[in-house]
Amino acid sequence: MLSRGLARLWAWLMFDEPLSWTMFMGMLVSLLGIIIIARAQATLASSAQAV
């Protein structure tokens, strides 16, 4: 899912493709979701090892 956002950002930087605020906000929401899931998995993994 993040690869689409990165591809859009790269196209904007390299080829001057249009990037609207809604597209940018969508990329941020996706990134925040990935960060939340990654932290939750890391927390579960560390608590499972502590037991």
PDB file of N, CA and C in Angstrom:
ATOM      1  N   MET A   1       0.824  -1.190   0.000  1.00  0.00           N
ATOM      2  CA  MET A   1       0.000   0.000   0.000  1.00  0.00           C
ATOM      3  C   MET A   1       0.868   1.255   0.000  1.00  0.00           C
ATOM      4  N   LEU A   2       1.968   1.209   0.702  1.00  0.00           N
ATOM      5  CA  LEU A   2       2.820   2.380   0.770  1.00  0.00           C
ATOM      6  C   LEU A   2       3.543   2.630  -0.543  1.00  0.00           C
ATOM      7  N   SER A   3       3.746   1.595  -1.345  1.00  0.00           N
ATOM      8  CA  SER A   3       4.481   1.773  -2.595  1.00  0.00           C
ATOM      9  C   SER A   3       3.730   2.703  -3.561  1.00  0.00           C
ATOM     10  N   ARG A   4       2.419   2.687  -3.531  1.00  0.00           N
ATOM     11  CA  ARG A   4       1.662   3.610  -4.387  1.00  0.00           C
ATOM     12  C   ARG A   4       1.895   5.051  -3.986  1.00  0.00           C
ATOM     13  N   GLY A   5       1.898   5.291  -2.693  1.00  0.00           N
ATOM     14  CA  GLY A   5       2.151   6.647  -2.209  1.00  0.00           C
ATOM     15  C   GLY A   5       3.557   7.115  -2.529  1.00  0.00           C
ATOM     16  N   LEU A   6       4.523   6.235  -2.361  1.00  0.00           N
ATOM     17  CA  LEU A   6       5.899   6.594  -2.682  1.00  0.00           C
ATOM     18  C   LEU A   6       6.083   6.818  -4.179  1.00  0.00           C
ATOM     19  N   ALA A   7       5.425   6.013  -4.984  1.00  0.00           N
ATOM     20  CA  ALA A   7       5.494   6.197  -6.435  1.00  0.00           C
ATOM     21  C   ALA A   7       4.877   7.529  -6.827  1.00  0.00           C
ATOM     22  N   ARG A   8       3.791   7.907  -6.190  1.00  0.00           N
ATOM     23  CA  ARG A   8       3.135   9.193  -6.482  1.00  0.00           C
ATOM     24  C   ARG A   8       4.056  10.343  -6.077  1.00  0.00           C
ATOM     25  N   LEU A   9       4.681  10.229  -4.911  1.00  0.00           N
ATOM     26  CA  LEU A   9       5.596  11.262  -4.441  1.00  0.00           C
ATOM     27  C   LEU A   9       6.809  11.372  -5.362  1.00  0.00           C
ATOM     28  N   TRP A  10       7.349  10.243  -5.777  1.00  0.00           N
ATOM     29  CA  TRP A  10       8.497  10.239  -6.679  1.00  0.00           C
ATOM     30  C   TRP A  10       8.132  10.869  -8.031  1.00  0.00           C
ATOM     31  N   ALA A  11       6.953  10.552  -8.551  1.00  0.00           N
ATOM     32  CA  ALA A  11       6.507  11.128  -9.823  1.00  0.00           C
ATOM     33  C   ALA A  11       6.342  12.643  -9.699  1.00  0.00           C
ATOM     34  N   TRP A  12       5.885  13.096  -8.552  1.00  0.00           N
ATOM     35  CA  TRP A  12       5.737  14.524  -8.327  1.00  0.00           C
ATOM     36  C   TRP A  12       7.106  15.209  -8.303  1.00  0.00           C
ATOM     37  N   LEU A  13       8.064  14.586  -7.631  1.00  0.00           N
ATOM     38  CA  LEU A  13       9.395  15.175  -7.539  1.00  0.00           C
ATOM     39  C   LEU A  13      10.149  15.142  -8.869  1.00  0.00           C
ATOM     40  N   MET A  14      10.081  14.018  -9.553  1.00  0.00           N
ATOM     41  CA  MET A  14      10.897  13.837 -10.752  1.00  0.00           C
ATOM     42  C   MET A  14      10.246  14.390 -12.026  1.00  0.00           C
ATOM     43  N   PHE A  15       8.946  14.221 -12.153  1.00  0.00           N
ATOM     44  CA  PHE A  15       8.279  14.526 -13.423  1.00  0.00           C
ATOM     45  C   PHE A  15       7.240  15.623 -13.328  1.00  0.00           C
ATOM     46  N   ASP A  16       7.179  16.277 -12.174  1.00  0.00           N
ATOM     47  CA  ASP A  16       6.239  17.369 -11.962  1.00  0.00           C
ATOM     48  C   ASP A  16       4.786  16.938 -12.178  1.00  0.00           C
ATOM     49  N   GLU A  17       4.490  15.708 -11.765  1.00  0.00           N
ATOM     50  CA  GLU A  17       3.105  15.218 -11.813  1.00  0.00           C
ATOM     51  C   GLU A  17       2.284  15.957 -10.764  1.00  0.00           C
ATOM     52  N   PRO A  18       0.996  16.132 -10.998  1.00  0.00           N
ATOM     53  CA  PRO A  18       0.176  16.835 -10.011  1.00  0.00           C
ATOM     54  C   PRO A  18       0.024  16.021  -8.715  1.00  0.00           C
ATOM     55  N   LEU A  19       0.070  16.731  -7.610  1.00  0.00           N
ATOM     56  CA  LEU A  19      -0.112  16.109  -6.292  1.00  0.00           C
ATOM     57  C   LEU A  19      -1.019  17.021  -5.488  1.00  0.00           C
ATOM     58  N   SER A  20      -2.256  16.605  -5.313  1.00  0.00           N
ATOM     59  CA  SER A  20      -3.218  17.435  -4.581  1.00  0.00           C
ATOM     60  C   SER A  20      -3.073  17.193  -3.079  1.00  0.00           C
ATOM     61  N   TRP A  21      -3.699  18.064  -2.317  1.00  0.00           N
ATOM     62  CA  TRP A  21      -3.655  17.923  -0.861  1.00  0.00           C
ATOM     63  C   TRP A  21      -4.372  16.655  -0.410  1.00  0.00           C
ATOM     64  N   THR A  22      -5.417  16.261  -1.112  1.00  0.00           N
ATOM     65  CA  THR A  22      -6.121  15.042  -0.715  1.00  0.00           C
ATOM     66  C   THR A  22      -5.252  13.811  -0.962  1.00  0.00           C
ATOM     67  N   MET A  23      -4.488  13.824  -2.047  1.00  0.00           N
ATOM     68  CA  MET A  23      -3.563  12.714  -2.293  1.00  0.00           C
ATOM     69  C   MET A  23      -2.488  12.663  -1.210  1.00  0.00           C
ATOM     70  N   PHE A  24      -1.956  13.820  -0.880  1.00  0.00           N
ATOM     71  CA  PHE A  24      -0.923  13.895   0.149  1.00  0.00           C
ATOM     72  C   PHE A  24      -1.463  13.435   1.501  1.00  0.00           C
ATOM     73  N   MET A  25      -2.656  13.859   1.852  1.00  0.00           N
ATOM     74  CA  MET A  25      -3.261  13.447   3.127  1.00  0.00           C
ATOM     75  C   MET A  25      -3.533  11.949   3.129  1.00  0.00           C
ATOM     76  N   GLY A  26      -3.941  11.395   2.000  1.00  0.00           N
ATOM     77  CA  GLY A  26      -4.143   9.960   1.905  1.00  0.00           C
ATOM     78  C   GLY A  26      -2.856   9.187   2.141  1.00  0.00           C
ATOM     79  N   MET A  27      -1.743   9.701   1.620  1.00  0.00           N
ATOM     80  CA  MET A  27      -0.451   9.060   1.858  1.00  0.00           C
ATOM     81  C   MET A  27      -0.087   9.125   3.337  1.00  0.00           C
ATOM     82  N   LEU A  28      -0.367  10.255   3.978  1.00  0.00           N
ATOM     83  CA  LEU A  28      -0.070  10.383   5.402  1.00  0.00           C
ATOM     84  C   LEU A  28      -0.915   9.434   6.247  1.00  0.00           C
ATOM     85  N   VAL A  29      -2.178   9.298   5.916  1.00  0.00           N
ATOM     86  CA  VAL A  29      -3.053   8.381   6.645  1.00  0.00           C
ATOM     87  C   VAL A  29      -2.558   6.938   6.502  1.00  0.00           C
ATOM     88  N   SER A  30      -2.148   6.570   5.303  1.00  0.00           N
ATOM     89  CA  SER A  30      -1.617   5.228   5.074  1.00  0.00           C
ATOM     90  C   SER A  30      -0.340   5.004   5.871  1.00  0.00           C
ATOM     91  N   LEU A  31       0.537   5.989   5.869  1.00  0.00           N
ATOM     92  CA  LEU A  31       1.788   5.873   6.614  1.00  0.00           C
ATOM     93  C   LEU A  31       1.532   5.756   8.116  1.00  0.00           C
ATOM     94  N   LEU A  32       0.607   6.543   8.634  1.00  0.00           N
ATOM     95  CA  LEU A  32       0.270   6.454  10.057  1.00  0.00           C
ATOM     96  C   LEU A  32      -0.305   5.087  10.410  1.00  0.00           C
ATOM     97  N   GLY A  33      -1.127   4.537   9.547  1.00  0.00           N
ATOM     98  CA  GLY A  33      -1.667   3.206   9.781  1.00  0.00           C
ATOM     99  C   GLY A  33      -0.578   2.149   9.823  1.00  0.00           C
ATOM    100  N   ILE A  34       0.383   2.245   8.932  1.00  0.00           N
ATOM    101  CA  ILE A  34       1.489   1.289   8.913  1.00  0.00           C
ATOM    102  C   ILE A  34       2.332   1.422  10.178  1.00  0.00           C
ATOM    103  N   ILE A  35       2.581   2.646  10.618  1.00  0.00           N
ATOM    104  CA  ILE A  35       3.355   2.862  11.842  1.00  0.00           C
ATOM    105  C   ILE A  35       2.629   2.296  13.052  1.00  0.00           C
ATOM    106  N   ILE A  36       1.330   2.501  13.142  1.00  0.00           N
ATOM    107  CA  ILE A  36       0.546   1.985  14.270  1.00  0.00           C
ATOM    108  C   ILE A  36       0.596   0.457  14.302  1.00  0.00           C
ATOM    109  N   ILE A  37       0.416  -0.177  13.163  1.00  0.00           N
ATOM    110  CA  ILE A  37       0.438  -1.643  13.109  1.00  0.00           C
ATOM    111  C   ILE A  37       1.821  -2.179  13.443  1.00  0.00           C
ATOM    112  N   ALA A  38       2.871  -1.555  12.918  1.00  0.00           N
ATOM    113  CA  ALA A  38       4.237  -2.018  13.183  1.00  0.00           C
ATOM    114  C   ALA A  38       4.572  -1.905  14.666  1.00  0.00           C
ATOM    115  N   ARG A  39       4.175  -0.817  15.302  1.00  0.00           N
ATOM    116  CA  ARG A  39       4.443  -0.655  16.737  1.00  0.00           C
ATOM    117  C   ARG A  39       3.648  -1.653  17.567  1.00  0.00           C
ATOM    118  N   ALA A  40       2.419  -1.901  17.175  1.00  0.00           N
ATOM    119  CA  ALA A  40       1.596  -2.866  17.910  1.00  0.00           C
ATOM    120  C   ALA A  40       2.197  -4.264  17.808  1.00  0.00           C
ATOM    121  N   GLN A  41       2.665  -4.641  16.648  1.00  0.00           N
ATOM    122  CA  GLN A  41       3.284  -5.956  16.463  1.00  0.00           C
ATOM    123  C   GLN A  41       4.576  -6.058  17.260  1.00  0.00           C
ATOM    124  N   ALA A  42       5.365  -4.994  17.288  1.00  0.00           N
ATOM    125  CA  ALA A  42       6.612  -5.007  18.052  1.00  0.00           C
ATOM    126  C   ALA A  42       6.319  -5.132  19.546  1.00  0.00           C
ATOM    127  N   THR A  43       5.287  -4.446  20.010  1.00  0.00           N
ATOM    128  CA  THR A  43       4.918  -4.511  21.426  1.00  0.00           C
ATOM    129  C   THR A  43       4.443  -5.914  21.784  1.00  0.00           C
ATOM    130  N   LEU A  44       3.627  -6.521  20.925  1.00  0.00           N
ATOM    131  CA  LEU A  44       3.156  -7.875  21.188  1.00  0.00           C
ATOM    132  C   LEU A  44       4.311  -8.873  21.175  1.00  0.00           C
ATOM    133  N   ALA A  45       5.241  -8.719  20.266  1.00  0.00           N
ATOM    134  CA  ALA A  45       6.375  -9.629  20.174  1.00  0.00           C
ATOM    135  C   ALA A  45       7.263  -9.511  21.411  1.00  0.00           C
ATOM    136  N   SER A  46       7.503  -8.303  21.884  1.00  0.00           N
ATOM    137  CA  SER A  46       8.352  -8.133  23.066  1.00  0.00           C
ATOM    138  C   SER A  46       7.663  -8.621  24.337  1.00  0.00           C
ATOM    139  N   SER A  47       6.342  -8.456  24.431  1.00  0.00           N
ATOM    140  CA  SER A  47       5.641  -8.945  25.615  1.00  0.00           C
ATOM    141  C   SER A  47       5.541 -10.466  25.598  1.00  0.00           C
ATOM    142  N   ALA A  48       5.484 -11.069  24.413  1.00  0.00           N
ATOM    143  CA  ALA A  48       5.450 -12.529  24.331  1.00  0.00           C
ATOM    144  C   ALA A  48       6.792 -13.135  24.726  1.00  0.00           C
ATOM    145  N   GLN A  49       7.881 -12.456  24.426  1.00  0.00           N
ATOM    146  CA  GLN A  49       9.207 -12.950  24.798  1.00  0.00           C
ATOM    147  C   GLN A  49       9.456 -12.795  26.283  1.00  0.00           C
ATOM    148  N   ALA A  50       8.845 -11.803  26.905  1.00  0.00           N
ATOM    149  CA  ALA A  50       9.037 -11.561  28.341  1.00  0.00           C
ATOM    150  C   ALA A  50       8.354 -12.624  29.184  1.00  0.00           C
ATOM    151  N   VAL A  51       7.362 -13.300  28.655  1.00  0.00           N
ATOM    152  CA  VAL A  51       6.612 -14.306  29.419  1.00  0.00           C
ATOM    153  C   VAL A  51       7.312 -15.578  29.429  1.00  0.00           C
TER     154      VAL A  51
END
